[in-house]
Structure formats: C-alpha cells, structure tokens
N, C-alpha and C. Protein backbone atom coordinates (compact mmCIF):
# COMPACT_ATOMS: atom_id res chain seq x y z
N MET A 1 95.37 81.38 94.11
CA MET A 1 96.26 80.41 94.68
C MET A 1 95.72 79.02 94.37
N PHE A 2 96.64 78.10 94.25
CA PHE A 2 96.25 76.73 93.99
C PHE A 2 97.34 75.78 94.47
N LEU A 3 96.96 74.51 94.58
CA LEU A 3 97.91 73.47 94.97
C LEU A 3 98.47 72.81 93.72
N ARG A 4 99.72 72.42 93.80
CA ARG A 4 100.35 71.70 92.70
C ARG A 4 101.13 70.53 93.29
N ILE A 5 101.09 69.41 92.56
CA ILE A 5 101.91 68.26 92.92
C ILE A 5 103.13 68.30 92.00
N ASN A 6 104.30 68.40 92.60
CA ASN A 6 105.55 68.49 91.85
C ASN A 6 106.35 67.21 92.03
N SER A 7 106.90 66.68 90.96
CA SER A 7 107.71 65.47 91.03
C SER A 7 109.18 65.82 90.96
N SER A 8 109.94 65.14 91.78
CA SER A 8 111.39 65.29 91.76
C SER A 8 111.98 63.89 91.96
N GLY A 9 112.47 63.32 90.88
CA GLY A 9 112.96 61.95 90.95
C GLY A 9 111.80 61.01 91.21
N LYS A 10 111.92 60.14 92.19
CA LYS A 10 110.83 59.21 92.50
C LYS A 10 109.87 59.77 93.56
N TYR A 11 110.11 60.98 94.05
CA TYR A 11 109.29 61.58 95.09
C TYR A 11 108.33 62.61 94.50
N ARG A 12 107.19 62.80 95.19
CA ARG A 12 106.21 63.82 94.81
C ARG A 12 105.98 64.74 96.00
N TYR A 13 105.82 66.03 95.72
CA TYR A 13 105.67 67.04 96.76
C TYR A 13 104.45 67.91 96.46
N ILE A 14 103.87 68.47 97.51
CA ILE A 14 102.74 69.39 97.38
C ILE A 14 103.27 70.81 97.59
N GLN A 15 102.80 71.73 96.74
CA GLN A 15 103.20 73.14 96.86
C GLN A 15 101.96 74.03 96.73
N ILE A 16 102.00 75.18 97.40
CA ILE A 16 100.98 76.21 97.19
C ILE A 16 101.60 77.24 96.26
N LEU A 17 100.89 77.56 95.18
CA LEU A 17 101.39 78.52 94.20
C LEU A 17 100.43 79.69 94.05
N HIS A 18 100.97 80.82 93.66
CA HIS A 18 100.19 82.02 93.34
C HIS A 18 100.33 82.25 91.85
N ASN A 19 99.24 82.53 91.18
CA ASN A 19 99.23 82.72 89.74
C ASN A 19 98.85 84.16 89.42
N TYR A 20 99.60 84.81 88.53
CA TYR A 20 99.27 86.16 88.10
C TYR A 20 99.77 86.37 86.68
N ARG A 21 99.32 87.44 86.05
CA ARG A 21 99.75 87.74 84.68
C ARG A 21 100.71 88.91 84.67
N GLU A 22 101.73 88.79 83.85
CA GLU A 22 102.71 89.87 83.68
C GLU A 22 103.05 89.93 82.19
N ASN A 23 102.79 91.09 81.59
CA ASN A 23 103.02 91.28 80.15
C ASN A 23 102.32 90.22 79.31
N GLY A 24 101.10 89.86 79.71
CA GLY A 24 100.31 88.90 78.97
C GLY A 24 100.67 87.45 79.19
N LYS A 25 101.66 87.18 80.03
CA LYS A 25 102.08 85.80 80.31
C LYS A 25 101.65 85.41 81.72
N SER A 26 101.27 84.15 81.86
CA SER A 26 100.89 83.63 83.17
C SER A 26 102.15 83.24 83.94
N ILE A 27 102.29 83.78 85.15
CA ILE A 27 103.46 83.54 85.99
C ILE A 27 103.01 82.79 87.25
N HIS A 28 103.72 81.74 87.61
CA HIS A 28 103.44 80.98 88.83
C HIS A 28 104.59 81.22 89.80
N THR A 29 104.24 81.55 91.04
CA THR A 29 105.23 81.75 92.09
C THR A 29 104.91 80.81 93.24
N ILE A 30 105.91 80.07 93.70
CA ILE A 30 105.70 79.16 94.82
C ILE A 30 105.61 79.97 96.11
N ILE A 31 104.50 79.83 96.82
CA ILE A 31 104.32 80.51 98.10
C ILE A 31 105.00 79.70 99.20
N THR A 32 104.69 78.39 99.24
CA THR A 32 105.32 77.54 100.25
C THR A 32 105.23 76.07 99.83
N PRO A 33 106.28 75.31 100.06
CA PRO A 33 106.19 73.85 99.88
C PRO A 33 105.51 73.23 101.10
N LEU A 34 104.75 72.17 100.89
CA LEU A 34 104.00 71.55 101.97
C LEU A 34 104.45 70.12 102.27
N GLY A 35 105.54 69.70 101.72
CA GLY A 35 106.08 68.38 102.04
C GLY A 35 105.65 67.31 101.07
N HIS A 36 105.86 66.06 101.48
CA HIS A 36 105.59 64.90 100.63
C HIS A 36 104.11 64.76 100.31
N TYR A 37 103.83 64.24 99.12
CA TYR A 37 102.47 64.02 98.65
C TYR A 37 101.87 62.80 99.32
N ASP A 38 100.65 62.95 99.80
CA ASP A 38 99.82 61.87 100.33
C ASP A 38 98.41 62.21 99.88
N LYS A 39 97.71 61.27 99.26
CA LYS A 39 96.41 61.55 98.67
C LYS A 39 95.43 62.16 99.68
N GLU A 40 95.34 61.59 100.88
CA GLU A 40 94.43 62.11 101.90
C GLU A 40 94.81 63.53 102.31
N ARG A 41 96.09 63.75 102.50
CA ARG A 41 96.58 65.07 102.90
C ARG A 41 96.32 66.10 101.80
N TYR A 42 96.55 65.69 100.55
CA TYR A 42 96.31 66.58 99.41
C TYR A 42 94.84 66.98 99.34
N THR A 43 93.94 66.01 99.52
CA THR A 43 92.50 66.29 99.47
C THR A 43 92.10 67.25 100.59
N ARG A 44 92.62 67.01 101.80
CA ARG A 44 92.30 67.89 102.94
C ARG A 44 92.83 69.30 102.71
N LEU A 45 94.07 69.41 102.22
CA LEU A 45 94.66 70.73 101.96
C LEU A 45 93.90 71.48 100.87
N LYS A 46 93.46 70.75 99.86
CA LYS A 46 92.71 71.37 98.77
C LYS A 46 91.41 71.96 99.28
N LYS A 47 90.72 71.22 100.17
CA LYS A 47 89.47 71.71 100.75
C LYS A 47 89.74 72.94 101.64
N GLU A 48 90.79 72.88 102.44
CA GLU A 48 91.12 74.00 103.32
C GLU A 48 91.47 75.24 102.52
N LEU A 49 92.20 75.08 101.44
CA LEU A 49 92.55 76.22 100.59
C LEU A 49 91.31 76.81 99.95
N LYS A 50 90.39 75.96 99.52
CA LYS A 50 89.14 76.43 98.92
C LYS A 50 88.32 77.22 99.94
N ASP A 51 88.26 76.73 101.18
CA ASP A 51 87.54 77.43 102.24
C ASP A 51 88.21 78.74 102.62
N TRP A 52 89.54 78.82 102.46
CA TRP A 52 90.30 80.00 102.86
C TRP A 52 90.16 81.14 101.87
N LYS A 53 89.93 80.84 100.60
CA LYS A 53 89.86 81.88 99.57
C LYS A 53 88.82 82.96 99.86
N PRO A 54 87.57 82.61 100.24
CA PRO A 54 86.60 83.68 100.54
C PRO A 54 87.04 84.54 101.73
N MET A 55 87.67 83.92 102.73
CA MET A 55 88.13 84.71 103.88
C MET A 55 89.23 85.66 103.46
N SER A 56 90.11 85.21 102.57
CA SER A 56 91.18 86.06 102.08
C SER A 56 90.60 87.24 101.32
N ARG A 57 89.61 86.99 100.48
CA ARG A 57 88.97 88.06 99.71
C ARG A 57 88.27 89.04 100.65
N ALA A 58 87.64 88.53 101.69
CA ALA A 58 86.96 89.40 102.65
C ALA A 58 87.98 90.31 103.33
N ALA A 59 89.14 89.79 103.69
CA ALA A 59 90.18 90.61 104.32
C ALA A 59 90.65 91.70 103.36
N THR A 60 90.76 91.38 102.08
CA THR A 60 91.16 92.37 101.08
C THR A 60 90.11 93.47 100.97
N ILE A 61 88.84 93.09 100.94
CA ILE A 61 87.76 94.07 100.83
C ILE A 61 87.74 94.99 102.05
N ILE A 62 87.90 94.42 103.24
CA ILE A 62 87.91 95.23 104.47
C ILE A 62 89.08 96.21 104.44
N SER A 63 90.23 95.76 103.99
CA SER A 63 91.40 96.62 103.88
C SER A 63 91.14 97.77 102.90
N GLU A 64 90.53 97.45 101.76
CA GLU A 64 90.21 98.48 100.76
C GLU A 64 89.21 99.49 101.33
N MET A 65 88.23 99.00 102.10
CA MET A 65 87.24 99.89 102.70
C MET A 65 87.90 100.84 103.70
N LYS A 66 88.83 100.33 104.52
CA LYS A 66 89.53 101.18 105.48
C LYS A 66 90.33 102.26 104.76
N THR A 67 90.95 101.91 103.64
CA THR A 67 91.71 102.89 102.86
C THR A 67 90.76 103.95 102.30
N ASP A 68 89.61 103.51 101.77
CA ASP A 68 88.64 104.46 101.23
C ASP A 68 88.13 105.40 102.32
N ILE A 69 87.84 104.88 103.51
CA ILE A 69 87.36 105.71 104.62
C ILE A 69 88.43 106.72 105.02
N ALA A 70 89.69 106.29 105.07
CA ALA A 70 90.78 107.21 105.42
C ALA A 70 90.89 108.32 104.38
N ASN A 71 90.73 107.98 103.10
CA ASN A 71 90.79 108.99 102.04
C ASN A 71 89.63 109.96 102.12
N ILE A 72 88.44 109.45 102.45
CA ILE A 72 87.26 110.31 102.58
C ILE A 72 87.48 111.28 103.74
N LYS A 73 87.98 110.76 104.87
CA LYS A 73 88.23 111.63 106.02
C LYS A 73 89.25 112.70 105.68
N LYS A 74 90.29 112.33 104.97
CA LYS A 74 91.35 113.27 104.62
C LYS A 74 90.82 114.39 103.74
N HIS A 75 89.97 114.03 102.76
CA HIS A 75 89.46 115.03 101.83
C HIS A 75 88.25 115.77 102.37
N ALA A 76 87.56 115.21 103.35
CA ALA A 76 86.37 115.84 103.90
C ALA A 76 86.70 116.89 104.94
N LYS A 77 87.86 116.82 105.57
CA LYS A 77 88.21 117.75 106.65
C LYS A 77 88.15 119.23 106.23
N PRO A 78 88.70 119.63 105.09
CA PRO A 78 88.61 121.05 104.73
C PRO A 78 87.18 121.55 104.62
N PHE A 79 86.24 120.70 104.20
CA PHE A 79 84.86 121.11 104.02
C PHE A 79 84.06 121.08 105.30
N THR A 80 84.55 120.37 106.31
CA THR A 80 83.80 120.21 107.55
C THR A 80 84.51 120.84 108.73
N LYS A 81 85.44 121.73 108.47
CA LYS A 81 86.24 122.31 109.54
C LYS A 81 85.40 123.03 110.59
N GLY A 82 84.39 123.74 110.16
CA GLY A 82 83.56 124.49 111.09
C GLY A 82 82.51 123.64 111.78
N LEU A 83 82.27 122.43 111.31
CA LEU A 83 81.26 121.56 111.92
C LEU A 83 81.86 120.79 113.07
N ASN A 84 81.04 120.46 114.03
CA ASN A 84 81.51 119.69 115.19
C ASN A 84 81.02 118.26 115.16
N TYR A 85 81.18 117.60 114.04
CA TYR A 85 80.82 116.20 113.95
C TYR A 85 82.00 115.35 114.40
N LYS A 86 81.74 114.43 115.31
CA LYS A 86 82.82 113.61 115.83
C LYS A 86 83.31 112.56 114.83
N HIS A 87 82.45 112.15 113.91
CA HIS A 87 82.86 111.09 112.98
C HIS A 87 83.74 111.62 111.85
N PHE A 88 83.97 112.89 111.74
CA PHE A 88 84.89 113.43 110.74
C PHE A 88 86.14 113.76 111.46
C-alpha cells in the first residue's frame, strides 16, 4: 500500500492505493480517498501508513499460523484418537 497525490483540475487529493501484479502487469487499486492535499497532513499520513505496515503483516502471519494449527489438528486427529491429550 502507498499514498498517492492525485490532481483533478486545480485541486489535489490524497489516496491510499494497493499495488499488485496480474499477468505480469502492475495494477493499482484505490482503497480509499483521504480528501484534499495538505503537506502536513500528507507527511503525517505517510508516517502512519509506514508504521501500520508491520502491524498489518503481523496480523497476516498470525492468521496464517491459526490456519496451519487448524490443519495440523484436523490431520492429527486420526493418529491420536486413542491418546487423551487435551491439546489435540
């Protein structure tokens, strides 16, 4: 994700965009417009977005770990049926 300043006529606007590749081409999708451009506001938003990226990645990793644990539990049950372990 990144911020972009978009011009429309004499006005400038701030937008949050998501970038991804599809068939070898870079595609930009607008996530949300953030209103009129102001240098101070743009700088603050840029810093906040930079700080948010690691938290977003951490949430993705935690979600992936929960999925992996669910898959392990699902596949481990037939092998541990006779055992009385509470964590399975």
